[in-house]
Amino acid sequence: MIESNFTRKLKEKAEFNFEMIKESIKGLYEVMGLAIPQDEDSIYYDIGCENLSALYKNLLELLTNDYGARDFVKRLKNKQIDVEIPLIDFFDEEEETEETNYSIN
């Protein structure tokens, strides 16, 4: 089967996006390690690691569930799924007034 240039670019973009997600999760681990002391009593560090690990595992499960992923993307495109995560508390007031728009094509 001959792969079209368009299809190849979509696959490359998907692989690039996945690599960026992996790098982001690794970066969050690094930042968390710098920001939270890693001693025996550091429950917050452990909780953060568990959450990042769960995020990655769930992402992999979503991506490997062909039928579920297709249905999810369909509902996402039809705006049936809320993609916004309220993180306002983590930004300073200047950024609170800025609006982030996500385009899903």
Protein backbone atom coordinates (compact mmCIF):
# COMPACT_ATOMS: atom_id res chain seq x y z
CA MET A 1 0.00 0.00 0.00
CA ILE A 2 1.38 3.35 -1.01
CA GLU A 3 1.24 5.96 1.70
CA SER A 4 0.27 9.44 0.61
CA ASN A 5 2.41 12.42 1.52
CA PHE A 6 -0.52 13.79 3.56
CA THR A 7 -0.89 10.56 5.55
CA ARG A 8 2.86 10.36 6.18
CA LYS A 9 2.88 13.95 7.49
CA LEU A 10 -0.06 13.20 9.80
CA LYS A 11 1.77 10.17 11.19
CA GLU A 12 4.94 12.21 11.67
CA LYS A 13 2.97 14.93 13.44
CA ALA A 14 1.33 12.37 15.74
CA GLU A 15 4.72 10.87 16.62
CA PHE A 16 6.14 14.35 17.22
CA ASN A 17 3.19 15.26 19.46
CA PHE A 18 3.63 12.06 21.44
CA GLU A 19 7.35 12.74 21.91
CA MET A 20 6.51 16.27 23.11
CA ILE A 21 4.01 14.87 25.62
CA LYS A 22 6.68 12.48 26.92
CA GLU A 23 9.19 15.33 27.22
CA SER A 24 6.62 17.47 29.03
CA ILE A 25 5.92 14.71 31.55
CA LYS A 26 9.68 14.23 32.09
CA GLY A 27 10.01 17.99 32.56
CA LEU A 28 7.24 17.99 35.14
CA TYR A 29 9.05 15.22 37.04
CA GLU A 30 12.23 17.31 37.00
CA VAL A 31 10.47 20.48 38.16
CA MET A 32 8.66 18.55 40.85
CA GLY A 33 11.95 17.09 42.03
CA LEU A 34 13.43 20.58 42.30
CA ALA A 35 10.39 22.16 43.94
CA ILE A 36 9.46 19.42 46.41
CA PRO A 37 12.03 17.88 48.76
CA GLN A 38 12.42 14.15 48.12
CA ASP A 39 12.80 12.90 51.67
CA GLU A 40 10.99 10.05 53.43
CA ASP A 41 8.22 12.35 54.68
CA SER A 42 7.51 13.97 51.32
CA ILE A 43 4.03 12.70 50.57
CA TYR A 44 3.49 15.52 48.07
CA TYR A 45 6.36 14.34 45.89
CA ASP A 46 5.01 10.79 45.95
CA ILE A 47 1.50 11.99 45.09
CA GLY A 48 2.87 14.08 42.23
CA CYS A 49 4.82 11.11 40.84
CA GLU A 50 1.75 8.88 41.07
CA ASN A 51 -0.35 11.46 39.22
CA LEU A 52 2.21 11.90 36.43
CA SER A 53 2.56 8.15 36.08
CA ALA A 54 -1.24 7.74 35.91
CA LEU A 55 -1.42 10.51 33.29
CA TYR A 56 1.10 8.73 31.08
CA LYS A 57 -0.50 5.30 31.51
CA ASN A 58 -3.96 6.65 30.72
CA LEU A 59 -2.65 8.45 27.66
CA LEU A 60 -1.12 5.20 26.39
CA GLU A 61 -4.33 3.29 27.06
CA LEU A 62 -6.35 5.92 25.19
CA LEU A 63 -3.99 5.81 22.21
CA THR A 64 -4.00 2.01 21.98
CA ASN A 65 -7.79 1.71 22.18
CA ASP A 66 -8.53 2.21 18.47
CA TYR A 67 -12.32 2.25 18.61
CA GLY A 68 -12.46 4.26 21.83
CA ALA A 69 -9.88 6.75 20.56
CA ARG A 70 -11.82 7.31 17.32
CA ASP A 71 -15.04 7.87 19.25
CA PHE A 72 -13.25 10.16 21.69
CA VAL A 73 -11.79 12.27 18.87
CA LYS A 74 -15.20 12.45 17.18
CA ARG A 75 -16.82 13.72 20.39
CA LEU A 76 -13.90 16.07 20.97
CA LYS A 77 -14.31 17.60 17.51
CA ASN A 78 -18.05 17.95 18.10
CA LYS A 79 -17.26 19.80 21.35
CA GLN A 80 -19.01 17.14 23.43
CA ILE A 81 -15.96 16.85 25.68
CA ASP A 82 -14.63 19.73 27.78
CA VAL A 83 -10.91 20.16 27.07
CA GLU A 84 -10.28 23.07 29.41
CA ILE A 85 -8.46 22.47 32.67
CA PRO A 86 -8.92 25.31 35.17
CA LEU A 87 -5.39 26.18 36.25
CA ILE A 88 -6.03 29.86 37.03
CA ASP A 89 -4.75 29.49 40.60
CA PHE A 90 -1.29 28.69 39.24
CA PHE A 91 -0.94 31.85 37.14
CA ASP A 92 -0.41 35.40 38.26
CA GLU A 93 -3.12 38.04 37.79
CA GLU A 94 -1.69 39.32 34.51
CA GLU A 95 -2.10 35.93 32.88
CA GLU A 96 -5.57 35.40 34.39
CA THR A 97 -7.04 37.95 32.02
CA GLU A 98 -5.57 36.28 28.94
CA GLU A 99 -7.82 33.77 27.22
CA THR A 100 -6.41 30.57 25.79
CA ASN A 101 -8.14 29.19 22.72
CA TYR A 102 -7.60 25.64 21.59
CA SER A 103 -8.25 24.77 17.98
CA ILE A 104 -9.13 21.18 17.24
CA ASN A 105 -9.16 20.42 13.53
